[in-house]
């Protein structure tokens, strides 16, 4: 990855926050908490994961997609392939 150390630290911290959110979901399930409370935590974790994935995908597209040696049609196909492979 081509991130600066500051950006890498942000990504690592965001990942740790997501882990904490998922651990909170697990605790809620183990402690028989209200479904609505557990679902709210799970939705927050999903949002955080989606946001992190979008940022990493943007970096991947900007820094690793070929630019000059392909036409716009081929570049579009590359982008579609990237999106499909990571959003399964």
PDB file of N, CA and C in Angstrom:
ATOM      1  N   UNK A   1       0.843  -1.177   0.000  1.00  0.00           N
ATOM      2  CA  UNK A   1       0.000   0.000   0.000  1.00  0.00           C
ATOM      3  C   UNK A   1       0.886   1.235   0.000  1.00  0.00           C
ATOM      4  N   UNK A   2       0.386   2.251  -0.611  1.00  0.00           N
ATOM      5  CA  UNK A   2       1.190   3.449  -0.780  1.00  0.00           C
ATOM      6  C   UNK A   2       0.817   4.548   0.199  1.00  0.00           C
ATOM      7  N   UNK A   3       0.303   4.194   1.346  1.00  0.00           N
ATOM      8  CA  UNK A   3      -0.141   5.201   2.293  1.00  0.00           C
ATOM      9  C   UNK A   3       1.036   5.787   3.069  1.00  0.00           C
ATOM     10  N   UNK A   4       0.908   7.049   3.403  1.00  0.00           N
ATOM     11  CA  UNK A   4       1.856   7.662   4.310  1.00  0.00           C
ATOM     12  C   UNK A   4       1.633   7.070   5.687  1.00  0.00           C
ATOM     13  N   UNK A   5       2.628   7.179   6.564  1.00  0.00           N
ATOM     14  CA  UNK A   5       2.491   6.570   7.883  1.00  0.00           C
ATOM     15  C   UNK A   5       1.307   7.158   8.651  1.00  0.00           C
ATOM     16  N   UNK A   6       1.010   8.434   8.459  1.00  0.00           N
ATOM     17  CA  UNK A   6      -0.130   9.067   9.134  1.00  0.00           C
ATOM     18  C   UNK A   6      -1.437   8.457   8.642  1.00  0.00           C
ATOM     19  N   UNK A   7      -1.550   8.247   7.325  1.00  0.00           N
ATOM     20  CA  UNK A   7      -2.749   7.637   6.759  1.00  0.00           C
ATOM     21  C   UNK A   7      -2.872   6.181   7.206  1.00  0.00           C
ATOM     22  N   UNK A   8      -1.747   5.491   7.260  1.00  0.00           N
ATOM     23  CA  UNK A   8      -1.755   4.101   7.705  1.00  0.00           C
ATOM     24  C   UNK A   8      -2.233   4.022   9.149  1.00  0.00           C
ATOM     25  N   UNK A   9      -1.750   4.933   9.998  1.00  0.00           N
ATOM     26  CA  UNK A   9      -2.172   4.945  11.398  1.00  0.00           C
ATOM     27  C   UNK A   9      -3.672   5.171  11.502  1.00  0.00           C
ATOM     28  N   UNK A  10      -4.224   6.067  10.669  1.00  0.00           N
ATOM     29  CA  UNK A  10      -5.667   6.307  10.659  1.00  0.00           C
ATOM     30  C   UNK A  10      -6.423   5.037  10.269  1.00  0.00           C
ATOM     31  N   UNK A  11      -5.954   4.345   9.242  1.00  0.00           N
ATOM     32  CA  UNK A  11      -6.611   3.115   8.798  1.00  0.00           C
ATOM     33  C   UNK A  11      -6.555   2.030   9.875  1.00  0.00           C
ATOM     34  N   UNK A  12      -5.413   1.921  10.542  1.00  0.00           N
ATOM     35  CA  UNK A  12      -5.270   0.926  11.614  1.00  0.00           C
ATOM     36  C   UNK A  12      -6.213   1.269  12.770  1.00  0.00           C
ATOM     37  N   UNK A  13      -6.284   2.546  13.141  1.00  0.00           N
ATOM     38  CA  UNK A  13      -7.176   2.949  14.227  1.00  0.00           C
ATOM     39  C   UNK A  13      -8.637   2.709  13.882  1.00  0.00           C
ATOM     40  N   UNK A  14      -9.009   2.980  12.645  1.00  0.00           N
ATOM     41  CA  UNK A  14     -10.382   2.728  12.210  1.00  0.00           C
ATOM     42  C   UNK A  14     -10.696   1.236  12.259  1.00  0.00           C
ATOM     43  N   UNK A  15      -9.730   0.408  11.882  1.00  0.00           N
ATOM     44  CA  UNK A  15      -9.918  -1.042  11.925  1.00  0.00           C
ATOM     45  C   UNK A  15     -10.089  -1.514  13.368  1.00  0.00           C
ATOM     46  N   UNK A  16      -9.305  -0.966  14.275  1.00  0.00           N
ATOM     47  CA  UNK A  16      -9.437  -1.327  15.692  1.00  0.00           C
ATOM     48  C   UNK A  16     -10.805  -0.922  16.236  1.00  0.00           C
ATOM     49  N   UNK A  17     -11.320   0.214  15.792  1.00  0.00           N
ATOM     50  CA  UNK A  17     -12.644   0.653  16.215  1.00  0.00           C
ATOM     51  C   UNK A  17     -13.701  -0.334  15.735  1.00  0.00           C
ATOM     52  N   UNK A  18     -13.561  -0.803  14.509  1.00  0.00           N
ATOM     53  CA  UNK A  18     -14.501  -1.780  13.966  1.00  0.00           C
ATOM     54  C   UNK A  18     -14.447  -3.076  14.779  1.00  0.00           C
ATOM     55  N   UNK A  19     -13.249  -3.502  15.120  1.00  0.00           N
ATOM     56  CA  UNK A  19     -13.098  -4.712  15.943  1.00  0.00           C
ATOM     57  C   UNK A  19     -13.816  -4.523  17.273  1.00  0.00           C
ATOM     58  N   UNK A  20     -13.664  -3.349  17.871  1.00  0.00           N
ATOM     59  CA  UNK A  20     -14.356  -3.057  19.125  1.00  0.00           C
ATOM     60  C   UNK A  20     -15.868  -3.085  18.965  1.00  0.00           C
ATOM     61  N   UNK A  21     -16.358  -2.556  17.850  1.00  0.00           N
ATOM     62  CA  UNK A  21     -17.801  -2.585  17.592  1.00  0.00           C
ATOM     63  C   UNK A  21     -18.308  -4.016  17.456  1.00  0.00           C
ATOM     64  N   UNK A  22     -17.552  -4.849  16.761  1.00  0.00           N
ATOM     65  CA  UNK A  22     -17.966  -6.245  16.590  1.00  0.00           C
ATOM     66  C   UNK A  22     -17.883  -7.020  17.897  1.00  0.00           C
ATOM     67  N   UNK A  23     -16.891  -6.700  18.728  1.00  0.00           N
ATOM     68  CA  UNK A  23     -16.816  -7.331  20.045  1.00  0.00           C
ATOM     69  C   UNK A  23     -18.020  -6.933  20.896  1.00  0.00           C
ATOM     70  N   UNK A  24     -18.487  -5.700  20.745  1.00  0.00           N
ATOM     71  CA  UNK A  24     -19.677  -5.240  21.451  1.00  0.00           C
ATOM     72  C   UNK A  24     -20.921  -6.000  20.978  1.00  0.00           C
ATOM     73  N   UNK A  25     -20.993  -6.275  19.694  1.00  0.00           N
ATOM     74  CA  UNK A  25     -22.096  -7.087  19.160  1.00  0.00           C
ATOM     75  C   UNK A  25     -22.047  -8.480  19.780  1.00  0.00           C
ATOM     76  N   UNK A  26     -20.866  -9.065  19.818  1.00  0.00           N
ATOM     77  CA  UNK A  26     -20.706 -10.405  20.392  1.00  0.00           C
ATOM     78  C   UNK A  26     -21.115 -10.429  21.864  1.00  0.00           C
ATOM     79  N   UNK A  27     -20.687  -9.419  22.619  1.00  0.00           N
ATOM     80  CA  UNK A  27     -21.077  -9.342  24.027  1.00  0.00           C
ATOM     81  C   UNK A  27     -22.595  -9.236  24.164  1.00  0.00           C
ATOM     82  N   UNK A  28     -23.185  -8.412  23.320  1.00  0.00           N
ATOM     83  CA  UNK A  28     -24.639  -8.257  23.371  1.00  0.00           C
ATOM     84  C   UNK A  28     -25.362  -9.564  23.100  1.00  0.00           C
ATOM     85  N   UNK A  29     -24.878 -10.324  22.162  1.00  0.00           N
ATOM     86  CA  UNK A  29     -25.488 -11.620  21.864  1.00  0.00           C
ATOM     87  C   UNK A  29     -25.308 -12.592  23.024  1.00  0.00           C
ATOM     88  N   UNK A  30     -24.107 -12.614  23.591  1.00  0.00           N
ATOM     89  CA  UNK A  30     -23.833 -13.521  24.702  1.00  0.00           C
ATOM     90  C   UNK A  30     -24.618 -13.154  25.950  1.00  0.00           C
ATOM     91  N   UNK A  31     -24.920 -11.867  26.111  1.00  0.00           N
ATOM     92  CA  UNK A  31     -25.624 -11.403  27.312  1.00  0.00           C
ATOM     93  C   UNK A  31     -27.124 -11.238  27.073  1.00  0.00           C
ATOM     94  N   UNK A  32     -27.614 -11.751  25.962  1.00  0.00           N
ATOM     95  CA  UNK A  32     -29.044 -11.703  25.636  1.00  0.00           C
ATOM     96  C   UNK A  32     -29.624 -10.296  25.702  1.00  0.00           C
ATOM     97  N   UNK A  33     -28.902  -9.325  25.158  1.00  0.00           N
ATOM     98  CA  UNK A  33     -29.394  -7.952  25.128  1.00  0.00           C
ATOM     99  C   UNK A  33     -30.519  -7.833  24.102  1.00  0.00           C
ATOM    100  N   UNK A  34     -31.222  -6.724  24.150  1.00  0.00           N
ATOM    101  CA  UNK A  34     -32.325  -6.476  23.230  1.00  0.00           C
ATOM    102  C   UNK A  34     -31.839  -6.545  21.780  1.00  0.00           C
ATOM    103  N   UNK A  35     -32.652  -7.145  20.938  1.00  0.00           N
ATOM    104  CA  UNK A  35     -32.301  -7.292  19.522  1.00  0.00           C
ATOM    105  C   UNK A  35     -32.027  -5.936  18.875  1.00  0.00           C
ATOM    106  N   UNK A  36     -32.850  -4.951  19.185  1.00  0.00           N
ATOM    107  CA  UNK A  36     -32.693  -3.631  18.575  1.00  0.00           C
ATOM    108  C   UNK A  36     -31.338  -3.021  18.923  1.00  0.00           C
ATOM    109  N   UNK A  37     -30.879  -3.217  20.145  1.00  0.00           N
ATOM    110  CA  UNK A  37     -29.576  -2.676  20.556  1.00  0.00           C
ATOM    111  C   UNK A  37     -28.433  -3.358  19.805  1.00  0.00           C
ATOM    112  N   UNK A  38     -28.521  -4.680  19.683  1.00  0.00           N
ATOM    113  CA  UNK A  38     -27.481  -5.429  18.978  1.00  0.00           C
ATOM    114  C   UNK A  38     -27.500  -5.071  17.493  1.00  0.00           C
ATOM    115  N   UNK A  39     -28.685  -4.956  16.928  1.00  0.00           N
ATOM    116  CA  UNK A  39     -28.785  -4.590  15.510  1.00  0.00           C
ATOM    117  C   UNK A  39     -28.228  -3.196  15.249  1.00  0.00           C
ATOM    118  N   UNK A  40     -28.451  -2.274  16.172  1.00  0.00           N
ATOM    119  CA  UNK A  40     -27.918  -0.920  16.009  1.00  0.00           C
ATOM    120  C   UNK A  40     -26.385  -0.942  16.011  1.00  0.00           C
ATOM    121  N   UNK A  41     -25.792  -1.715  16.910  1.00  0.00           N
ATOM    122  CA  UNK A  41     -24.330  -1.840  16.943  1.00  0.00           C
ATOM    123  C   UNK A  41     -23.801  -2.495  15.674  1.00  0.00           C
ATOM    124  N   UNK A  42     -24.522  -3.504  15.214  1.00  0.00           N
ATOM    125  CA  UNK A  42     -24.108  -4.200  13.999  1.00  0.00           C
ATOM    126  C   UNK A  42     -24.196  -3.277  12.787  1.00  0.00           C
ATOM    127  N   UNK A  43     -25.236  -2.465  12.722  1.00  0.00           N
ATOM    128  CA  UNK A  43     -25.381  -1.506  11.619  1.00  0.00           C
ATOM    129  C   UNK A  43     -24.251  -0.476  11.654  1.00  0.00           C
ATOM    130  N   UNK A  44     -23.861  -0.043  12.847  1.00  0.00           N
ATOM    131  CA  UNK A  44     -22.752   0.913  12.971  1.00  0.00           C
ATOM    132  C   UNK A  44     -21.445   0.278  12.498  1.00  0.00           C
ATOM    133  N   UNK A  45     -21.230  -0.978  12.853  1.00  0.00           N
ATOM    134  CA  UNK A  45     -20.017  -1.683  12.418  1.00  0.00           C
ATOM    135  C   UNK A  45     -20.015  -1.855  10.905  1.00  0.00           C
ATOM    136  N   UNK A  46     -21.164  -2.195  10.349  1.00  0.00           N
ATOM    137  CA  UNK A  46     -21.262  -2.352   8.900  1.00  0.00           C
ATOM    138  C   UNK A  46     -20.964  -1.033   8.186  1.00  0.00           C
ATOM    139  N   UNK A  47     -21.485   0.063   8.708  1.00  0.00           N
ATOM    140  CA  UNK A  47     -21.206   1.377   8.123  1.00  0.00           C
ATOM    141  C   UNK A  47     -19.730   1.708   8.175  1.00  0.00           C
ATOM    142  N   UNK A  48     -19.092   1.398   9.298  1.00  0.00           N
ATOM    143  CA  UNK A  48     -17.663   1.661   9.441  1.00  0.00           C
ATOM    144  C   UNK A  48     -16.843   0.795   8.486  1.00  0.00           C
ATOM    145  N   UNK A  49     -17.239  -0.459   8.324  1.00  0.00           N
ATOM    146  CA  UNK A  49     -16.549  -1.351   7.387  1.00  0.00           C
ATOM    147  C   UNK A  49     -16.712  -0.847   5.962  1.00  0.00           C
ATOM    148  N   UNK A  50     -17.925  -0.464   5.597  1.00  0.00           N
ATOM    149  CA  UNK A  50     -18.168   0.042   4.244  1.00  0.00           C
ATOM    150  C   UNK A  50     -17.351   1.296   3.967  1.00  0.00           C
ATOM    151  N   UNK A  51     -17.267   2.177   4.940  1.00  0.00           N
ATOM    152  CA  UNK A  51     -16.499   3.410   4.777  1.00  0.00           C
ATOM    153  C   UNK A  51     -15.012   3.114   4.607  1.00  0.00           C
ATOM    154  N   UNK A  52     -14.486   2.217   5.426  1.00  0.00           N
ATOM    155  CA  UNK A  52     -13.081   1.828   5.328  1.00  0.00           C
ATOM    156  C   UNK A  52     -12.807   1.151   3.991  1.00  0.00           C
ATOM    157  N   UNK A  53     -13.708   0.283   3.570  1.00  0.00           N
ATOM    158  CA  UNK A  53     -13.536  -0.405   2.292  1.00  0.00           C
ATOM    159  C   UNK A  53     -13.557   0.586   1.135  1.00  0.00           C
ATOM    160  N   UNK A  54     -14.447   1.564   1.197  1.00  0.00           N
ATOM    161  CA  UNK A  54     -14.528   2.560   0.133  1.00  0.00           C
ATOM    162  C   UNK A  54     -13.226   3.358   0.042  1.00  0.00           C
ATOM    163  N   UNK A  55     -12.662   3.724   1.184  1.00  0.00           N
ATOM    164  CA  UNK A  55     -11.416   4.477   1.159  1.00  0.00           C
ATOM    165  C   UNK A  55     -10.272   3.650   0.584  1.00  0.00           C
ATOM    166  N   UNK A  56     -10.174   2.405   0.991  1.00  0.00           N
ATOM    167  CA  UNK A  56      -9.118   1.540   0.477  1.00  0.00           C
ATOM    168  C   UNK A  56      -9.312   1.242  -1.006  1.00  0.00           C
ATOM    169  N   UNK A  57     -10.565   1.056  -1.416  1.00  0.00           N
ATOM    170  CA  UNK A  57     -10.839   0.805  -2.825  1.00  0.00           C
ATOM    171  C   UNK A  57     -10.474   2.028  -3.669  1.00  0.00           C
ATOM    172  N   UNK A  58     -10.797   3.215  -3.171  1.00  0.00           N
ATOM    173  CA  UNK A  58     -10.434   4.441  -3.888  1.00  0.00           C
ATOM    174  C   UNK A  58      -8.924   4.537  -4.057  1.00  0.00           C
ATOM    175  N   UNK A  59      -8.181   4.237  -3.000  1.00  0.00           N
ATOM    176  CA  UNK A  59      -6.724   4.267  -3.083  1.00  0.00           C
ATOM    177  C   UNK A  59      -6.225   3.246  -4.100  1.00  0.00           C
ATOM    178  N   UNK A  60      -6.811   2.071  -4.074  1.00  0.00           N
ATOM    179  CA  UNK A  60      -6.408   1.017  -5.012  1.00  0.00           C
ATOM    180  C   UNK A  60      -6.658   1.461  -6.454  1.00  0.00           C
ATOM    181  N   UNK A  61      -7.826   2.027  -6.694  1.00  0.00           N
ATOM    182  CA  UNK A  61      -8.167   2.467  -8.050  1.00  0.00           C
ATOM    183  C   UNK A  61      -7.242   3.587  -8.505  1.00  0.00           C
ATOM    184  N   UNK A  62      -6.999   4.555  -7.632  1.00  0.00           N
ATOM    185  CA  UNK A  62      -6.161   5.704  -7.995  1.00  0.00           C
ATOM    186  C   UNK A  62      -4.697   5.318  -8.220  1.00  0.00           C
ATOM    187  N   UNK A  63      -4.208   4.371  -7.428  1.00  0.00           N
ATOM    188  CA  UNK A  63      -2.772   4.086  -7.451  1.00  0.00           C
ATOM    189  C   UNK A  63      -2.367   2.823  -8.188  1.00  0.00           C
ATOM    190  N   UNK A  64      -3.307   1.941  -8.450  1.00  0.00           N
ATOM    191  CA  UNK A  64      -2.913   0.658  -9.023  1.00  0.00           C
ATOM    192  C   UNK A  64      -3.585   0.323 -10.349  1.00  0.00           C
ATOM    193  N   UNK A  65      -4.541   1.133 -10.762  1.00  0.00           N
ATOM    194  CA  UNK A  65      -5.157   0.887 -12.066  1.00  0.00           C
ATOM    195  C   UNK A  65      -4.265   1.439 -13.161  1.00  0.00           C
ATOM    196  N   UNK A  66      -4.066   0.687 -14.216  1.00  0.00           N
ATOM    197  CA  UNK A  66      -3.288   1.231 -15.326  1.00  0.00           C
ATOM    198  C   UNK A  66      -3.995   2.449 -15.912  1.00  0.00           C
ATOM    199  N   UNK A  67      -3.217   3.441 -16.338  1.00  0.00           N
ATOM    200  CA  UNK A  67      -3.818   4.669 -16.829  1.00  0.00           C
ATOM    201  C   UNK A  67      -3.536   4.919 -18.302  1.00  0.00           C
ATOM    202  N   UNK A  68      -2.299   4.975 -18.685  1.00  0.00           N
ATOM    203  CA  UNK A  68      -1.943   5.473 -20.017  1.00  0.00           C
ATOM    204  C   UNK A  68      -2.022   4.428 -21.113  1.00  0.00           C
ATOM    205  N   UNK A  69      -1.822   3.179 -20.775  1.00  0.00           N
ATOM    206  CA  UNK A  69      -1.733   2.169 -21.821  1.00  0.00           C
ATOM    207  C   UNK A  69      -3.084   1.534 -22.157  1.00  0.00           C
ATOM    208  N   UNK A  70      -4.178   2.064 -21.639  1.00  0.00           N
ATOM    209  CA  UNK A  70      -5.496   1.492 -21.909  1.00  0.00           C
ATOM    210  C   UNK A  70      -6.459   2.577 -22.348  1.00  0.00           C
ATOM    211  N   UNK A  71      -7.402   2.178 -23.172  1.00  0.00           N
ATOM    212  CA  UNK A  71      -8.470   3.084 -23.573  1.00  0.00           C
ATOM    213  C   UNK A  71      -9.507   3.197 -22.475  1.00  0.00           C
ATOM    214  N   UNK A  72     -10.444   4.104 -22.641  1.00  0.00           N
ATOM    215  CA  UNK A  72     -11.455   4.318 -21.607  1.00  0.00           C
ATOM    216  C   UNK A  72     -12.335   3.086 -21.412  1.00  0.00           C
ATOM    217  N   UNK A  73     -12.624   2.357 -22.471  1.00  0.00           N
ATOM    218  CA  UNK A  73     -13.433   1.146 -22.350  1.00  0.00           C
ATOM    219  C   UNK A  73     -12.739   0.082 -21.522  1.00  0.00           C
ATOM    220  N   UNK A  74     -11.457  -0.114 -21.776  1.00  0.00           N
ATOM    221  CA  UNK A  74     -10.689  -1.097 -21.009  1.00  0.00           C
ATOM    222  C   UNK A  74     -10.522  -0.654 -19.558  1.00  0.00           C
ATOM    223  N   UNK A  75     -10.309   0.646 -19.349  1.00  0.00           N
ATOM    224  CA  UNK A  75     -10.191   1.165 -17.982  1.00  0.00           C
ATOM    225  C   UNK A  75     -11.499   0.962 -17.227  1.00  0.00           C
ATOM    226  N   UNK A  76     -12.631   1.172 -17.908  1.00  0.00           N
ATOM    227  CA  UNK A  76     -13.933   0.955 -17.282  1.00  0.00           C
ATOM    228  C   UNK A  76     -14.103  -0.512 -16.909  1.00  0.00           C
ATOM    229  N   UNK A  77     -13.698  -1.416 -17.771  1.00  0.00           N
ATOM    230  CA  UNK A  77     -13.782  -2.846 -17.468  1.00  0.00           C
ATOM    231  C   UNK A  77     -12.914  -3.202 -16.269  1.00  0.00           C
ATOM    232  N   UNK A  78     -11.703  -2.622 -16.201  1.00  0.00           N
ATOM    233  CA  UNK A  78     -10.832  -2.846 -15.044  1.00  0.00           C
ATOM    234  C   UNK A  78     -11.518  -2.390 -13.755  1.00  0.00           C
ATOM    235  N   UNK A  79     -12.135  -1.221 -13.794  1.00  0.00           N
ATOM    236  CA  UNK A  79     -12.810  -0.669 -12.621  1.00  0.00           C
ATOM    237  C   UNK A  79     -13.981  -1.555 -12.206  1.00  0.00           C
ATOM    238  N   UNK A  80     -14.762  -1.999 -13.159  1.00  0.00           N
ATOM    239  CA  UNK A  80     -15.896  -2.878 -12.865  1.00  0.00           C
ATOM    240  C   UNK A  80     -15.405  -4.176 -12.229  1.00  0.00           C
ATOM    241  N   UNK A  81     -14.332  -4.712 -12.740  1.00  0.00           N
ATOM    242  CA  UNK A  81     -13.770  -5.950 -12.180  1.00  0.00           C
ATOM    243  C   UNK A  81     -13.324  -5.743 -10.737  1.00  0.00           C
ATOM    244  N   UNK A  82     -12.669  -4.617 -10.473  1.00  0.00           N
ATOM    245  CA  UNK A  82     -12.221  -4.317  -9.110  1.00  0.00           C
ATOM    246  C   UNK A  82     -13.418  -4.218  -8.169  1.00  0.00           C
ATOM    247  N   UNK A  83     -14.419  -3.461  -8.569  1.00  0.00           N
ATOM    248  CA  UNK A  83     -15.593  -3.269  -7.716  1.00  0.00           C
ATOM    249  C   UNK A  83     -16.294  -4.601  -7.458  1.00  0.00           C
ATOM    250  N   UNK A  84     -16.496  -5.379  -8.480  1.00  0.00           N
ATOM    251  CA  UNK A  84     -17.181  -6.663  -8.324  1.00  0.00           C
ATOM    252  C   UNK A  84     -16.393  -7.616  -7.429  1.00  0.00           C
ATOM    253  N   UNK A  85     -15.088  -7.646  -7.576  1.00  0.00           N
ATOM    254  CA  UNK A  85     -14.296  -8.598  -6.799  1.00  0.00           C
ATOM    255  C   UNK A  85     -14.301  -8.274  -5.304  1.00  0.00           C
ATOM    256  N   UNK A  86     -14.407  -6.997  -4.960  1.00  0.00           N
ATOM    257  CA  UNK A  86     -14.366  -6.622  -3.546  1.00  0.00           C
ATOM    258  C   UNK A  86     -15.730  -6.445  -2.909  1.00  0.00           C
ATOM    259  N   UNK A  87     -16.785  -6.390  -3.700  1.00  0.00           N
ATOM    260  CA  UNK A  87     -18.118  -6.200  -3.127  1.00  0.00           C
ATOM    261  C   UNK A  87     -18.985  -7.460  -3.233  1.00  0.00           C
ATOM    262  N   UNK A  88     -18.368  -8.601  -3.268  1.00  0.00           N
ATOM    263  CA  UNK A  88     -19.119  -9.866  -3.313  1.00  0.00           C
ATOM    264  C   UNK A  88     -19.756 -10.146  -1.980  1.00  0.00           C
TER     265      UNK A  88
END
